[in-house]
């Protein structure tokens, strides 16, 4: 049986260089939701930046939205207050 992984699509609205782009990440934290903020590595130097989750996808590795060996992981999840 295959393990279900959590992928999140993140946008970095505070960075004008990538404000219009969205990136897929693996999320090792429980219950991420659209609107939650994250700290994630960005770019070839992996500098961490704060971004916003815009989509959550729970699926098996073989259905990953991007090649799994290229997907980076979220470093910190900042839950949105309800």
C-alpha atoms as a PDB file:
ATOM      1  CA  UNK A   1       0.000   0.000   0.000  1.00  0.00           C
ATOM      2  CA  UNK A   2       1.211   3.485  -0.822  1.00  0.00           C
ATOM      3  CA  UNK A   3       1.755   6.215   1.756  1.00  0.00           C
ATOM      4  CA  UNK A   4      -0.346   9.364   1.327  1.00  0.00           C
ATOM      5  CA  UNK A   5       1.748  12.535   1.355  1.00  0.00           C
ATOM      6  CA  UNK A   6       0.648  16.112   1.893  1.00  0.00           C
ATOM      7  CA  UNK A   7       1.593  18.617  -0.808  1.00  0.00           C
ATOM      8  CA  UNK A   8       0.881  22.338  -0.562  1.00  0.00           C
ATOM      9  CA  UNK A   9       0.969  24.974  -3.256  1.00  0.00           C
ATOM     10  CA  UNK A  10       2.508  28.184  -1.943  1.00  0.00           C
ATOM     11  CA  UNK A  11       2.572  31.752  -3.193  1.00  0.00           C
ATOM     12  CA  UNK A  12       5.042  34.398  -1.991  1.00  0.00           C
ATOM     13  CA  UNK A  13       3.118  37.689  -2.357  1.00  0.00           C
ATOM     14  CA  UNK A  14       5.718  39.773  -0.480  1.00  0.00           C
ATOM     15  CA  UNK A  15       8.496  38.928  -2.963  1.00  0.00           C
ATOM     16  CA  UNK A  16       8.034  40.979  -6.162  1.00  0.00           C
ATOM     17  CA  UNK A  17      10.323  38.604  -8.094  1.00  0.00           C
ATOM     18  CA  UNK A  18       7.951  35.630  -7.670  1.00  0.00           C
ATOM     19  CA  UNK A  19       4.672  37.249  -6.545  1.00  0.00           C
ATOM     20  CA  UNK A  20       2.707  35.828  -9.488  1.00  0.00           C
ATOM     21  CA  UNK A  21       4.137  32.307  -9.233  1.00  0.00           C
ATOM     22  CA  UNK A  22       3.055  29.310  -7.152  1.00  0.00           C
ATOM     23  CA  UNK A  23       5.327  26.491  -5.968  1.00  0.00           C
ATOM     24  CA  UNK A  24       4.616  22.946  -4.732  1.00  0.00           C
ATOM     25  CA  UNK A  25       6.111  21.778  -1.426  1.00  0.00           C
ATOM     26  CA  UNK A  26       5.898  18.686   0.742  1.00  0.00           C
ATOM     27  CA  UNK A  27       4.284  19.538   4.075  1.00  0.00           C
ATOM     28  CA  UNK A  28       5.363  17.396   7.059  1.00  0.00           C
ATOM     29  CA  UNK A  29       2.941  19.206   9.402  1.00  0.00           C
ATOM     30  CA  UNK A  30      -0.605  18.178  10.334  1.00  0.00           C
ATOM     31  CA  UNK A  31      -3.705  19.805   8.872  1.00  0.00           C
ATOM     32  CA  UNK A  32      -2.400  22.617   6.661  1.00  0.00           C
ATOM     33  CA  UNK A  33      -5.190  24.758   5.196  1.00  0.00           C
ATOM     34  CA  UNK A  34      -5.419  27.296   2.404  1.00  0.00           C
ATOM     35  CA  UNK A  35      -4.648  30.674   3.934  1.00  0.00           C
ATOM     36  CA  UNK A  36      -2.111  29.346   6.459  1.00  0.00           C
ATOM     37  CA  UNK A  37       1.308  30.975   6.310  1.00  0.00           C
ATOM     38  CA  UNK A  38       4.501  28.956   5.960  1.00  0.00           C
ATOM     39  CA  UNK A  39       8.246  29.375   6.086  1.00  0.00           C
ATOM     40  CA  UNK A  40       9.753  27.638   3.063  1.00  0.00           C
ATOM     41  CA  UNK A  41      13.019  27.519   1.105  1.00  0.00           C
ATOM     42  CA  UNK A  42      12.869  29.391  -2.189  1.00  0.00           C
ATOM     43  CA  UNK A  43      15.185  29.573  -5.158  1.00  0.00           C
ATOM     44  CA  UNK A  44      18.441  27.842  -5.893  1.00  0.00           C
ATOM     45  CA  UNK A  45      20.038  29.124  -2.671  1.00  0.00           C
ATOM     46  CA  UNK A  46      17.113  27.903  -0.524  1.00  0.00           C
ATOM     47  CA  UNK A  47      16.745  31.169   1.379  1.00  0.00           C
ATOM     48  CA  UNK A  48      13.680  30.852   3.588  1.00  0.00           C
ATOM     49  CA  UNK A  49      10.749  33.167   3.008  1.00  0.00           C
ATOM     50  CA  UNK A  50       7.237  33.514   4.315  1.00  0.00           C
ATOM     51  CA  UNK A  51       4.492  32.457   1.941  1.00  0.00           C
ATOM     52  CA  UNK A  52       0.794  31.620   1.903  1.00  0.00           C
ATOM     53  CA  UNK A  53      -0.748  28.225   1.156  1.00  0.00           C
ATOM     54  CA  UNK A  54      -3.233  28.474  -1.699  1.00  0.00           C
ATOM     55  CA  UNK A  55      -3.915  24.744  -2.250  1.00  0.00           C
ATOM     56  CA  UNK A  56      -3.565  21.480  -0.304  1.00  0.00           C
ATOM     57  CA  UNK A  57      -3.302  18.086  -2.016  1.00  0.00           C
ATOM     58  CA  UNK A  58      -3.164  14.774  -0.136  1.00  0.00           C
ATOM     59  CA  UNK A  59      -2.137  11.993  -2.509  1.00  0.00           C
ATOM     60  CA  UNK A  60       0.267   9.125  -3.082  1.00  0.00           C
ATOM     61  CA  UNK A  61       3.853   9.799  -4.160  1.00  0.00           C
ATOM     62  CA  UNK A  62       3.202   8.519  -7.681  1.00  0.00           C
ATOM     63  CA  UNK A  63       0.498  11.205  -8.105  1.00  0.00           C
ATOM     64  CA  UNK A  64       2.746  14.044  -6.915  1.00  0.00           C
ATOM     65  CA  UNK A  65       1.990  17.366  -8.661  1.00  0.00           C
ATOM     66  CA  UNK A  66       5.684  17.788  -9.523  1.00  0.00           C
ATOM     67  CA  UNK A  67       8.599  15.311  -9.690  1.00  0.00           C
ATOM     68  CA  UNK A  68       9.077  14.235  -6.089  1.00  0.00           C
ATOM     69  CA  UNK A  69      12.867  14.485  -6.174  1.00  0.00           C
ATOM     70  CA  UNK A  70      12.569  18.205  -7.001  1.00  0.00           C
ATOM     71  CA  UNK A  71      10.013  19.123  -4.328  1.00  0.00           C
ATOM     72  CA  UNK A  72      11.317  20.938  -1.256  1.00  0.00           C
ATOM     73  CA  UNK A  73       9.739  20.748   2.207  1.00  0.00           C
ATOM     74  CA  UNK A  74       7.995  23.349   4.313  1.00  0.00           C
ATOM     75  CA  UNK A  75      10.137  24.346   7.299  1.00  0.00           C
ATOM     76  CA  UNK A  76       7.417  25.849   9.503  1.00  0.00           C
ATOM     77  CA  UNK A  77       3.614  26.079   9.432  1.00  0.00           C
ATOM     78  CA  UNK A  78       1.942  29.175  10.900  1.00  0.00           C
ATOM     79  CA  UNK A  79      -1.729  28.338  11.400  1.00  0.00           C
ATOM     80  CA  UNK A  80      -4.282  30.992  10.556  1.00  0.00           C
ATOM     81  CA  UNK A  81      -6.453  32.054  13.480  1.00  0.00           C
ATOM     82  CA  UNK A  82     -10.111  31.227  12.918  1.00  0.00           C
END
